[in-house]
């Protein structure tokens, strides 16, 4: 299970736009579907289910990885942290 929180200083509209941009890239790169459920973007594809929750002052990414992605969990976590730091500061 992946559970990563990252702080930000953006307003609600800006952080939502950043998260949507990230989700669009995931959809393009990994054929991953996504949709908004309130203040969370839910994403999935075969072997991966997760959500990016917009919280006051932070973004929280949670994901359940099935096989074979679970074998690469540390690499996936590092990439999530890198993208969040790049996009949210």
N, C-alpha and C. Protein backbone atom coordinates (compact mmCIF):
# COMPACT_ATOMS: atom_id res chain seq x y z
N UNK A 1 0.85 -1.18 0.00
CA UNK A 1 0.00 0.00 0.00
C UNK A 1 0.89 1.24 0.00
N UNK A 2 0.62 2.14 -0.90
CA UNK A 2 1.32 3.42 -0.97
C UNK A 2 0.49 4.45 -0.22
N UNK A 3 1.14 5.25 0.59
CA UNK A 3 0.48 6.34 1.32
C UNK A 3 1.48 7.47 1.48
N UNK A 4 1.35 8.49 0.64
CA UNK A 4 2.30 9.60 0.61
C UNK A 4 1.54 10.91 0.74
N UNK A 5 2.00 11.76 1.64
CA UNK A 5 1.44 13.11 1.77
C UNK A 5 2.51 14.12 1.39
N UNK A 6 2.07 15.20 0.73
CA UNK A 6 3.00 16.24 0.32
C UNK A 6 2.36 17.60 0.56
N UNK A 7 3.06 18.51 1.24
CA UNK A 7 2.49 19.84 1.51
C UNK A 7 2.47 20.71 0.26
N UNK A 8 1.60 21.70 0.27
CA UNK A 8 1.56 22.68 -0.80
C UNK A 8 1.02 24.00 -0.25
N UNK A 9 1.21 25.07 -1.02
CA UNK A 9 0.73 26.40 -0.62
C UNK A 9 -0.21 26.98 -1.68
N UNK A 10 -0.79 26.14 -2.48
CA UNK A 10 -1.67 26.59 -3.56
C UNK A 10 -3.11 26.71 -3.08
N UNK A 11 -3.88 27.55 -3.78
CA UNK A 11 -5.30 27.60 -3.46
C UNK A 11 -5.98 26.36 -4.05
N UNK A 12 -7.23 26.13 -3.66
CA UNK A 12 -7.94 24.91 -4.04
C UNK A 12 -8.03 24.74 -5.56
N UNK A 13 -8.29 25.81 -6.27
CA UNK A 13 -8.41 25.73 -7.73
C UNK A 13 -7.09 25.35 -8.38
N UNK A 14 -6.01 25.95 -7.92
CA UNK A 14 -4.69 25.68 -8.49
C UNK A 14 -4.22 24.26 -8.21
N UNK A 15 -4.41 23.79 -6.99
CA UNK A 15 -3.95 22.44 -6.66
C UNK A 15 -4.78 21.41 -7.42
N UNK A 16 -6.06 21.67 -7.59
CA UNK A 16 -6.91 20.76 -8.36
C UNK A 16 -6.42 20.69 -9.82
N UNK A 17 -6.04 21.82 -10.39
CA UNK A 17 -5.53 21.85 -11.76
C UNK A 17 -4.22 21.08 -11.88
N UNK A 18 -3.34 21.22 -10.89
CA UNK A 18 -2.07 20.49 -10.90
C UNK A 18 -2.32 18.99 -10.84
N UNK A 19 -3.21 18.57 -9.94
CA UNK A 19 -3.51 17.15 -9.80
C UNK A 19 -4.14 16.61 -11.09
N UNK A 20 -5.01 17.39 -11.72
CA UNK A 20 -5.61 16.94 -12.98
C UNK A 20 -4.55 16.79 -14.06
N UNK A 21 -3.59 17.69 -14.10
CA UNK A 21 -2.49 17.59 -15.07
C UNK A 21 -1.69 16.31 -14.84
N UNK A 22 -1.40 16.00 -13.58
CA UNK A 22 -0.69 14.76 -13.25
C UNK A 22 -1.51 13.56 -13.70
N UNK A 23 -2.81 13.57 -13.42
CA UNK A 23 -3.69 12.46 -13.79
C UNK A 23 -3.76 12.30 -15.31
N UNK A 24 -3.79 13.40 -16.03
CA UNK A 24 -3.83 13.34 -17.49
C UNK A 24 -2.57 12.68 -18.04
N UNK A 25 -1.43 12.99 -17.44
CA UNK A 25 -0.17 12.36 -17.88
C UNK A 25 -0.18 10.86 -17.57
N UNK A 26 -0.71 10.48 -16.39
CA UNK A 26 -0.83 9.06 -16.05
C UNK A 26 -1.73 8.34 -17.05
N UNK A 27 -2.84 8.98 -17.39
CA UNK A 27 -3.79 8.39 -18.33
C UNK A 27 -3.13 8.16 -19.69
N UNK A 28 -2.37 9.14 -20.13
CA UNK A 28 -1.69 9.05 -21.42
C UNK A 28 -0.57 8.01 -21.40
N UNK A 29 0.21 8.03 -20.35
CA UNK A 29 1.40 7.17 -20.28
C UNK A 29 1.07 5.72 -19.94
N UNK A 30 0.08 5.51 -19.04
CA UNK A 30 -0.20 4.17 -18.54
C UNK A 30 -1.62 3.68 -18.82
N UNK A 31 -2.36 4.41 -19.67
CA UNK A 31 -3.75 4.04 -19.97
C UNK A 31 -4.55 3.88 -18.68
N UNK A 32 -4.44 4.87 -17.81
CA UNK A 32 -5.06 4.84 -16.50
C UNK A 32 -6.28 5.75 -16.49
N UNK A 33 -7.44 5.20 -16.14
CA UNK A 33 -8.65 6.00 -16.04
C UNK A 33 -8.67 6.80 -14.75
N UNK A 34 -9.42 7.91 -14.76
CA UNK A 34 -9.54 8.71 -13.55
C UNK A 34 -10.84 9.49 -13.56
N UNK A 35 -11.32 9.83 -12.37
CA UNK A 35 -12.50 10.68 -12.23
C UNK A 35 -12.47 11.32 -10.85
N UNK A 36 -13.13 12.48 -10.74
CA UNK A 36 -13.20 13.18 -9.46
C UNK A 36 -14.38 12.68 -8.65
N UNK A 37 -14.13 12.43 -7.37
CA UNK A 37 -15.17 12.12 -6.39
C UNK A 37 -15.01 13.14 -5.27
N UNK A 38 -15.74 14.24 -5.38
CA UNK A 38 -15.58 15.32 -4.41
C UNK A 38 -14.21 15.93 -4.52
N UNK A 39 -13.46 15.92 -3.43
CA UNK A 39 -12.12 16.50 -3.39
C UNK A 39 -11.03 15.44 -3.55
N UNK A 40 -11.35 14.35 -4.23
CA UNK A 40 -10.37 13.30 -4.48
C UNK A 40 -10.45 12.85 -5.93
N UNK A 41 -9.30 12.67 -6.54
CA UNK A 41 -9.24 12.13 -7.88
C UNK A 41 -8.94 10.64 -7.75
N UNK A 42 -9.83 9.82 -8.24
CA UNK A 42 -9.69 8.37 -8.16
C UNK A 42 -9.13 7.88 -9.49
N UNK A 43 -8.11 7.01 -9.43
CA UNK A 43 -7.51 6.49 -10.66
C UNK A 43 -7.40 4.98 -10.58
N UNK A 44 -7.43 4.35 -11.75
CA UNK A 44 -7.32 2.89 -11.77
C UNK A 44 -6.94 2.39 -13.15
N UNK A 45 -6.41 1.22 -13.14
CA UNK A 45 -6.13 0.40 -14.32
C UNK A 45 -5.89 -1.01 -13.78
N UNK A 46 -5.75 -1.97 -14.62
CA UNK A 46 -5.51 -3.33 -14.16
C UNK A 46 -4.27 -3.34 -13.27
N UNK A 47 -4.42 -3.78 -12.03
CA UNK A 47 -3.30 -3.89 -11.11
C UNK A 47 -3.01 -2.67 -10.26
N UNK A 48 -3.76 -1.57 -10.47
CA UNK A 48 -3.52 -0.34 -9.69
C UNK A 48 -4.86 0.34 -9.40
N UNK A 49 -5.07 0.66 -8.13
CA UNK A 49 -6.23 1.45 -7.73
C UNK A 49 -5.76 2.45 -6.69
N UNK A 50 -6.18 3.71 -6.84
CA UNK A 50 -5.75 4.70 -5.87
C UNK A 50 -6.53 5.98 -5.94
N UNK A 51 -6.11 6.93 -5.12
CA UNK A 51 -6.75 8.24 -5.09
C UNK A 51 -5.75 9.29 -4.67
N UNK A 52 -5.99 10.49 -5.17
CA UNK A 52 -5.22 11.66 -4.78
C UNK A 52 -6.20 12.58 -4.09
N UNK A 53 -6.06 12.71 -2.78
CA UNK A 53 -6.99 13.51 -1.98
C UNK A 53 -6.43 14.90 -1.78
N UNK A 54 -7.29 15.90 -1.99
CA UNK A 54 -6.91 17.29 -1.78
C UNK A 54 -7.34 17.69 -0.38
N UNK A 55 -6.36 17.93 0.46
CA UNK A 55 -6.60 18.31 1.85
C UNK A 55 -6.07 19.72 2.06
N UNK A 56 -6.53 20.41 3.09
CA UNK A 56 -6.00 21.76 3.35
C UNK A 56 -4.48 21.73 3.53
N UNK A 57 -3.76 22.36 2.62
CA UNK A 57 -2.31 22.46 2.74
C UNK A 57 -1.53 21.22 2.36
N UNK A 58 -2.20 20.17 1.89
CA UNK A 58 -1.46 18.98 1.48
C UNK A 58 -2.25 18.15 0.48
N UNK A 59 -1.52 17.32 -0.24
CA UNK A 59 -2.09 16.35 -1.15
C UNK A 59 -1.69 14.99 -0.61
N UNK A 60 -2.63 14.05 -0.60
CA UNK A 60 -2.34 12.70 -0.11
C UNK A 60 -2.61 11.71 -1.23
N UNK A 61 -1.61 10.90 -1.54
CA UNK A 61 -1.73 9.87 -2.56
C UNK A 61 -1.76 8.51 -1.88
N UNK A 62 -2.82 7.76 -2.13
CA UNK A 62 -2.90 6.39 -1.63
C UNK A 62 -3.15 5.49 -2.82
N UNK A 63 -2.53 4.32 -2.81
CA UNK A 63 -2.71 3.39 -3.92
C UNK A 63 -2.46 1.96 -3.46
N UNK A 64 -3.22 1.09 -4.04
CA UNK A 64 -3.03 -0.35 -3.83
C UNK A 64 -2.45 -0.90 -5.13
N UNK A 65 -1.31 -1.54 -5.03
CA UNK A 65 -0.64 -2.09 -6.20
C UNK A 65 -0.80 -3.59 -6.23
N UNK A 66 -1.29 -4.11 -7.33
CA UNK A 66 -1.34 -5.55 -7.52
C UNK A 66 -0.07 -6.02 -8.21
N UNK A 67 0.00 -7.30 -8.43
CA UNK A 67 1.14 -7.86 -9.14
C UNK A 67 1.03 -7.43 -10.60
N UNK A 68 2.06 -7.04 -11.29
CA UNK A 68 3.46 -7.03 -10.94
C UNK A 68 3.93 -5.70 -10.33
N UNK A 69 3.02 -4.71 -10.25
CA UNK A 69 3.43 -3.38 -9.77
C UNK A 69 3.93 -3.39 -8.33
N UNK A 70 3.40 -4.30 -7.53
CA UNK A 70 3.84 -4.36 -6.13
C UNK A 70 5.32 -4.68 -6.01
N UNK A 71 5.87 -5.33 -7.02
CA UNK A 71 7.30 -5.65 -7.01
C UNK A 71 8.15 -4.39 -7.21
N UNK A 72 7.52 -3.32 -7.72
CA UNK A 72 8.23 -2.08 -8.00
C UNK A 72 7.75 -0.95 -7.09
N UNK A 73 7.20 -1.28 -5.93
CA UNK A 73 6.59 -0.27 -5.07
C UNK A 73 7.54 0.86 -4.71
N UNK A 74 8.77 0.55 -4.35
CA UNK A 74 9.70 1.62 -3.95
C UNK A 74 9.99 2.56 -5.12
N UNK A 75 10.09 2.04 -6.32
CA UNK A 75 10.32 2.89 -7.50
C UNK A 75 9.10 3.76 -7.77
N UNK A 76 7.91 3.19 -7.62
CA UNK A 76 6.67 3.95 -7.82
C UNK A 76 6.58 5.07 -6.79
N UNK A 77 6.88 4.76 -5.52
CA UNK A 77 6.84 5.78 -4.47
C UNK A 77 7.83 6.91 -4.74
N UNK A 78 9.02 6.57 -5.16
CA UNK A 78 10.03 7.60 -5.48
C UNK A 78 9.56 8.50 -6.61
N UNK A 79 8.93 7.92 -7.62
CA UNK A 79 8.44 8.72 -8.75
C UNK A 79 7.29 9.63 -8.32
N UNK A 80 6.40 9.13 -7.48
CA UNK A 80 5.30 9.96 -6.96
C UNK A 80 5.87 11.14 -6.19
N UNK A 81 6.82 10.87 -5.31
CA UNK A 81 7.42 11.94 -4.51
C UNK A 81 8.14 12.95 -5.39
N UNK A 82 8.81 12.50 -6.42
CA UNK A 82 9.52 13.39 -7.34
C UNK A 82 8.54 14.30 -8.08
N UNK A 83 7.46 13.71 -8.60
CA UNK A 83 6.48 14.50 -9.35
C UNK A 83 5.77 15.50 -8.44
N UNK A 84 5.41 15.08 -7.23
CA UNK A 84 4.75 16.00 -6.30
C UNK A 84 5.67 17.16 -5.94
N UNK A 85 6.93 16.87 -5.68
CA UNK A 85 7.88 17.93 -5.35
C UNK A 85 8.06 18.89 -6.53
N UNK A 86 8.13 18.34 -7.72
CA UNK A 86 8.31 19.17 -8.92
C UNK A 86 7.09 20.05 -9.18
N UNK A 87 5.89 19.50 -9.03
CA UNK A 87 4.66 20.22 -9.39
C UNK A 87 4.12 21.11 -8.27
N UNK A 88 4.36 20.68 -7.01
CA UNK A 88 3.77 21.41 -5.88
C UNK A 88 4.79 22.17 -5.05
N UNK A 89 6.07 21.97 -5.35
CA UNK A 89 7.11 22.68 -4.60
C UNK A 89 7.59 21.93 -3.40
